[in-house]
Amino acid sequence: MGHHWSRRHAAGAGVSHTVTCPECGRTASSAADIADHDCTWCHQWWDVREHPLHFDRLGVAISLGEWAQLVEDDEYKRIDSTMVGEWFVSTVWTGMDGLAGMVRGRPAQIFETAVFGPASWHTWEQRRYATEEQARRGHDEMVQLVKKLEGVDDG
């Protein structure tokens, strides 16, 4: 980001250092921020990490800030939802995968289908997917499974 840092020394028993980020104006006194000359808040919020955790619906790595904006958009994150009797099947884009990049050859699992039960609305079943196409197919399969288990006829 090319930050130019403002350093302050505080008086007291020991000398403490803080850095002020010119991008956001926040101050930090963590040793990591001072040593790295990097504003953790700005860096984590708007930069895409080396091993990203956040992805758009196409699976493209995005920053935490971009993800935070998208996750507020119900139309963007809702893939499908279906009531089967008293059961609710919901498929959404979560845009997050904490294991992304850590398991070799495993694409980020950024979509999720969950089935919620009638009495407590606790999650009964949950599955994750890498692509929107897989998520849509998985939603339909889950709806069919719930119908079968509940004895609901498609006719």
C-alpha atoms as a PDB file:
ATOM      1  CA  MET A   1       0.000   0.000   0.000  1.00  0.00           C
ATOM      2  CA  GLY A   2       2.990   2.282   0.321  1.00  0.00           C
ATOM      3  CA  HIS A   3       2.076   3.751   3.683  1.00  0.00           C
ATOM      4  CA  HIS A   4       4.217   6.504   5.152  1.00  0.00           C
ATOM      5  CA  TRP A   5       4.063   6.124   8.847  1.00  0.00           C
ATOM      6  CA  SER A   6       3.814   8.641  11.609  1.00  0.00           C
ATOM      7  CA  ARG A   7       5.528   7.380  14.760  1.00  0.00           C
ATOM      8  CA  ARG A   8       4.925   8.718  18.232  1.00  0.00           C
ATOM      9  CA  HIS A   9       6.788   7.991  21.430  1.00  0.00           C
ATOM     10  CA  ALA A  10       4.790   8.062  24.607  1.00  0.00           C
ATOM     11  CA  ALA A  11       6.327   9.217  27.844  1.00  0.00           C
ATOM     12  CA  GLY A  12       6.165   6.949  30.828  1.00  0.00           C
ATOM     13  CA  ALA A  13       8.025   4.225  32.613  1.00  0.00           C
ATOM     14  CA  GLY A  14       9.045   2.623  29.340  1.00  0.00           C
ATOM     15  CA  VAL A  15       9.087   3.900  25.815  1.00  0.00           C
ATOM     16  CA  SER A  16       6.128   2.729  23.802  1.00  0.00           C
ATOM     17  CA  HIS A  17       5.637   3.205  20.101  1.00  0.00           C
ATOM     18  CA  THR A  18       2.535   3.662  18.019  1.00  0.00           C
ATOM     19  CA  VAL A  19       2.021   3.959  14.302  1.00  0.00           C
ATOM     20  CA  THR A  20      -0.665   6.005  12.586  1.00  0.00           C
ATOM     21  CA  CYS A  21      -1.912   4.821   9.232  1.00  0.00           C
ATOM     22  CA  PRO A  22      -2.254   7.620   6.675  1.00  0.00           C
ATOM     23  CA  GLU A  23      -4.974   5.642   4.863  1.00  0.00           C
ATOM     24  CA  CYS A  24      -7.459   5.238   7.727  1.00  0.00           C
ATOM     25  CA  GLY A  25      -6.008   7.360  10.563  1.00  0.00           C
ATOM     26  CA  ARG A  26      -6.038   4.479  13.034  1.00  0.00           C
ATOM     27  CA  THR A  27      -3.194   4.086  15.491  1.00  0.00           C
ATOM     28  CA  ALA A  28      -1.678   0.792  16.475  1.00  0.00           C
ATOM     29  CA  SER A  29       0.912  -0.163  19.002  1.00  0.00           C
ATOM     30  CA  SER A  30       1.285  -3.847  18.184  1.00  0.00           C
ATOM     31  CA  ALA A  31       4.826  -4.974  17.555  1.00  0.00           C
ATOM     32  CA  ALA A  32       3.742  -6.646  14.312  1.00  0.00           C
ATOM     33  CA  ASP A  33       2.273  -3.437  12.869  1.00  0.00           C
ATOM     34  CA  ILE A  34       5.346  -1.443  13.819  1.00  0.00           C
ATOM     35  CA  ALA A  35       7.786  -4.060  12.523  1.00  0.00           C
ATOM     36  CA  ASP A  36       5.900  -4.616   9.268  1.00  0.00           C
ATOM     37  CA  HIS A  37       5.130  -0.948   8.703  1.00  0.00           C
ATOM     38  CA  ASP A  38       1.679  -2.240   7.805  1.00  0.00           C
ATOM     39  CA  CYS A  39      -1.706  -1.173   9.038  1.00  0.00           C
ATOM     40  CA  THR A  40      -3.350  -4.433   9.991  1.00  0.00           C
ATOM     41  CA  TRP A  41      -6.834  -2.958   9.780  1.00  0.00           C
ATOM     42  CA  CYS A  42      -6.477  -1.538   6.267  1.00  0.00           C
ATOM     43  CA  HIS A  43      -4.471  -4.498   5.048  1.00  0.00           C
ATOM     44  CA  GLN A  44      -6.912  -7.103   6.306  1.00  0.00           C
ATOM     45  CA  TRP A  45      -9.980  -5.129   5.280  1.00  0.00           C
ATOM     46  CA  TRP A  46      -9.205  -4.177   1.678  1.00  0.00           C
ATOM     47  CA  ASP A  47      -6.313  -6.280   0.409  1.00  0.00           C
ATOM     48  CA  VAL A  48      -6.694  -9.800  -0.923  1.00  0.00           C
ATOM     49  CA  ARG A  49      -4.577 -12.091   1.211  1.00  0.00           C
ATOM     50  CA  GLU A  50      -1.916 -14.455  -0.083  1.00  0.00           C
ATOM     51  CA  HIS A  51      -4.151 -17.332   1.037  1.00  0.00           C
ATOM     52  CA  PRO A  52      -7.586 -15.727   0.614  1.00  0.00           C
ATOM     53  CA  LEU A  53     -10.558 -16.589   2.784  1.00  0.00           C
ATOM     54  CA  HIS A  54     -13.195 -14.559   0.897  1.00  0.00           C
ATOM     55  CA  PHE A  55     -14.551 -15.140  -2.608  1.00  0.00           C
ATOM     56  CA  ASP A  56     -17.295 -13.757  -4.836  1.00  0.00           C
ATOM     57  CA  ARG A  57     -19.970 -16.003  -6.382  1.00  0.00           C
ATOM     58  CA  LEU A  58     -17.641 -16.859  -9.273  1.00  0.00           C
ATOM     59  CA  GLY A  59     -14.964 -18.062  -6.848  1.00  0.00           C
ATOM     60  CA  VAL A  60     -12.683 -15.079  -7.436  1.00  0.00           C
ATOM     61  CA  ALA A  61     -10.708 -14.050  -4.334  1.00  0.00           C
ATOM     62  CA  ILE A  62     -11.895 -10.740  -2.843  1.00  0.00           C
ATOM     63  CA  SER A  63     -10.959  -8.626   0.159  1.00  0.00           C
ATOM     64  CA  LEU A  64     -12.744  -8.736   3.487  1.00  0.00           C
ATOM     65  CA  GLY A  65     -14.162  -5.281   2.738  1.00  0.00           C
ATOM     66  CA  GLU A  66     -15.624  -6.404  -0.592  1.00  0.00           C
ATOM     67  CA  TRP A  67     -17.041  -9.535   1.051  1.00  0.00           C
ATOM     68  CA  ALA A  68     -18.622  -7.450   3.842  1.00  0.00           C
ATOM     69  CA  GLN A  69     -20.439  -5.345   1.259  1.00  0.00           C
ATOM     70  CA  LEU A  70     -21.673  -8.356  -0.722  1.00  0.00           C
ATOM     71  CA  VAL A  71     -22.821 -10.366   2.291  1.00  0.00           C
ATOM     72  CA  GLU A  72     -25.245  -7.557   3.198  1.00  0.00           C
ATOM     73  CA  ASP A  73     -27.031  -8.005  -0.162  1.00  0.00           C
ATOM     74  CA  ASP A  74     -29.746 -10.645   0.365  1.00  0.00           C
ATOM     75  CA  GLU A  75     -30.326 -11.054  -3.375  1.00  0.00           C
ATOM     76  CA  TYR A  76     -26.624 -11.654  -3.961  1.00  0.00           C
ATOM     77  CA  LYS A  77     -26.246 -14.269  -1.264  1.00  0.00           C
ATOM     78  CA  ARG A  78     -29.563 -16.144  -1.672  1.00  0.00           C
ATOM     79  CA  ILE A  79     -29.311 -18.997  -4.162  1.00  0.00           C
ATOM     80  CA  ASP A  80     -32.583 -20.791  -3.388  1.00  0.00           C
ATOM     81  CA  SER A  81     -34.965 -21.575  -0.545  1.00  0.00           C
ATOM     82  CA  THR A  82     -37.731 -24.151  -0.344  1.00  0.00           C
ATOM     83  CA  MET A  83     -40.266 -25.147   2.304  1.00  0.00           C
ATOM     84  CA  VAL A  84     -40.962 -28.879   2.481  1.00  0.00           C
ATOM     85  CA  GLY A  85     -43.789 -29.293   4.935  1.00  0.00           C
ATOM     86  CA  GLU A  86     -42.375 -27.771   8.093  1.00  0.00           C
ATOM     87  CA  TRP A  87     -38.750 -28.074   6.938  1.00  0.00           C
ATOM     88  CA  PHE A  88     -36.843 -25.165   5.415  1.00  0.00           C
ATOM     89  CA  VAL A  89     -34.111 -25.868   2.853  1.00  0.00           C
ATOM     90  CA  SER A  90     -31.871 -22.869   2.269  1.00  0.00           C
ATOM     91  CA  THR A  91     -28.934 -22.497  -0.103  1.00  0.00           C
ATOM     92  CA  VAL A  92     -26.751 -19.397   0.145  1.00  0.00           C
ATOM     93  CA  TRP A  93     -23.437 -17.993  -0.965  1.00  0.00           C
ATOM     94  CA  THR A  94     -21.308 -17.593   2.155  1.00  0.00           C
ATOM     95  CA  GLY A  95     -18.242 -16.353   0.281  1.00  0.00           C
ATOM     96  CA  MET A  96     -15.936 -17.675   3.010  1.00  0.00           C
ATOM     97  CA  ASP A  97     -13.806 -20.743   3.374  1.00  0.00           C
ATOM     98  CA  GLY A  98     -11.346 -20.903   6.239  1.00  0.00           C
ATOM     99  CA  LEU A  99      -9.556 -23.861   4.659  1.00  0.00           C
ATOM    100  CA  ALA A 100      -9.201 -22.332   1.199  1.00  0.00           C
ATOM    101  CA  GLY A 101      -5.688 -22.809  -0.104  1.00  0.00           C
ATOM    102  CA  MET A 102      -4.688 -25.008   2.820  1.00  0.00           C
ATOM    103  CA  VAL A 103      -5.855 -28.290   1.344  1.00  0.00           C
ATOM    104  CA  ARG A 104      -4.032 -28.936  -1.924  1.00  0.00           C
ATOM    105  CA  GLY A 105      -6.371 -29.265  -4.891  1.00  0.00           C
ATOM    106  CA  ARG A 106      -9.505 -28.420  -2.906  1.00  0.00           C
ATOM    107  CA  PRO A 107     -11.475 -25.473  -4.299  1.00  0.00           C
ATOM    108  CA  ALA A 108     -12.966 -22.974  -1.858  1.00  0.00           C
ATOM    109  CA  GLN A 109     -16.323 -24.169  -0.509  1.00  0.00           C
ATOM    110  CA  ILE A 110     -18.260 -20.891  -0.677  1.00  0.00           C
ATOM    111  CA  PHE A 111     -21.875 -22.054  -0.973  1.00  0.00           C
ATOM    112  CA  GLU A 112     -23.927 -23.840   1.645  1.00  0.00           C
ATOM    113  CA  THR A 113     -27.194 -25.732   1.780  1.00  0.00           C
ATOM    114  CA  ALA A 114     -28.765 -26.183   5.189  1.00  0.00           C
ATOM    115  CA  VAL A 115     -31.970 -27.848   6.314  1.00  0.00           C
ATOM    116  CA  PHE A 116     -33.705 -26.397   9.346  1.00  0.00           C
ATOM    117  CA  GLY A 117     -36.203 -28.384  11.390  1.00  0.00           C
ATOM    118  CA  PRO A 118     -39.704 -27.310  12.386  1.00  0.00           C
ATOM    119  CA  ALA A 119     -39.552 -27.263  16.172  1.00  0.00           C
ATOM    120  CA  SER A 120     -36.231 -25.706  17.077  1.00  0.00           C
ATOM    121  CA  TRP A 121     -34.913 -24.421  13.726  1.00  0.00           C
ATOM    122  CA  HIS A 122     -31.604 -26.069  14.503  1.00  0.00           C
ATOM    123  CA  THR A 123     -29.651 -27.156  11.460  1.00  0.00           C
ATOM    124  CA  TRP A 124     -30.593 -30.711  10.591  1.00  0.00           C
ATOM    125  CA  GLU A 125     -28.204 -31.169   7.688  1.00  0.00           C
ATOM    126  CA  GLN A 126     -25.605 -29.016   6.010  1.00  0.00           C
ATOM    127  CA  ARG A 127     -23.511 -29.342   2.847  1.00  0.00           C
ATOM    128  CA  ARG A 128     -20.959 -27.050   1.194  1.00  0.00           C
ATOM    129  CA  TYR A 129     -20.087 -26.511  -2.455  1.00  0.00           C
ATOM    130  CA  ALA A 130     -17.438 -24.781  -4.553  1.00  0.00           C
ATOM    131  CA  THR A 131     -19.628 -23.497  -7.407  1.00  0.00           C
ATOM    132  CA  GLU A 132     -23.065 -22.004  -7.797  1.00  0.00           C
ATOM    133  CA  GLU A 133     -23.997 -24.804 -10.220  1.00  0.00           C
ATOM    134  CA  GLN A 134     -23.067 -27.425  -7.596  1.00  0.00           C
ATOM    135  CA  ALA A 135     -25.008 -25.466  -4.975  1.00  0.00           C
ATOM    136  CA  ARG A 136     -28.165 -25.319  -7.110  1.00  0.00           C
ATOM    137  CA  ARG A 137     -27.917 -29.036  -7.864  1.00  0.00           C
ATOM    138  CA  GLY A 138     -27.229 -29.760  -4.180  1.00  0.00           C
ATOM    139  CA  HIS A 139     -30.249 -27.691  -3.141  1.00  0.00           C
ATOM    140  CA  ASP A 140     -32.522 -29.674  -5.449  1.00  0.00           C
ATOM    141  CA  GLU A 141     -31.074 -32.962  -4.185  1.00  0.00           C
ATOM    142  CA  MET A 142     -31.582 -31.901  -0.574  1.00  0.00           C
ATOM    143  CA  VAL A 143     -35.189 -30.881  -1.271  1.00  0.00           C
ATOM    144  CA  GLN A 144     -35.810 -34.315  -2.827  1.00  0.00           C
ATOM    145  CA  LEU A 145     -34.188 -36.034   0.179  1.00  0.00           C
ATOM    146  CA  VAL A 146     -36.346 -34.116   2.666  1.00  0.00           C
ATOM    147  CA  LYS A 147     -39.461 -34.878   0.600  1.00  0.00           C
ATOM    148  CA  LYS A 148     -38.577 -38.562   0.573  1.00  0.00           C
ATOM    149  CA  LEU A 149     -37.921 -38.662   4.326  1.00  0.00           C
ATOM    150  CA  GLU A 150     -41.130 -36.756   5.036  1.00  0.00           C
ATOM    151  CA  GLY A 151     -43.207 -38.797   2.606  1.00  0.00           C
ATOM    152  CA  VAL A 152     -44.108 -35.729   0.555  1.00  0.00           C
ATOM    153  CA  ASP A 153     -45.278 -36.560  -2.981  1.00  0.00           C
ATOM    154  CA  ASP A 154     -44.038 -34.438  -5.891  1.00  0.00           C
ATOM    155  CA  GLY A 155     -47.294 -35.012  -7.782  1.00  0.00           C
END
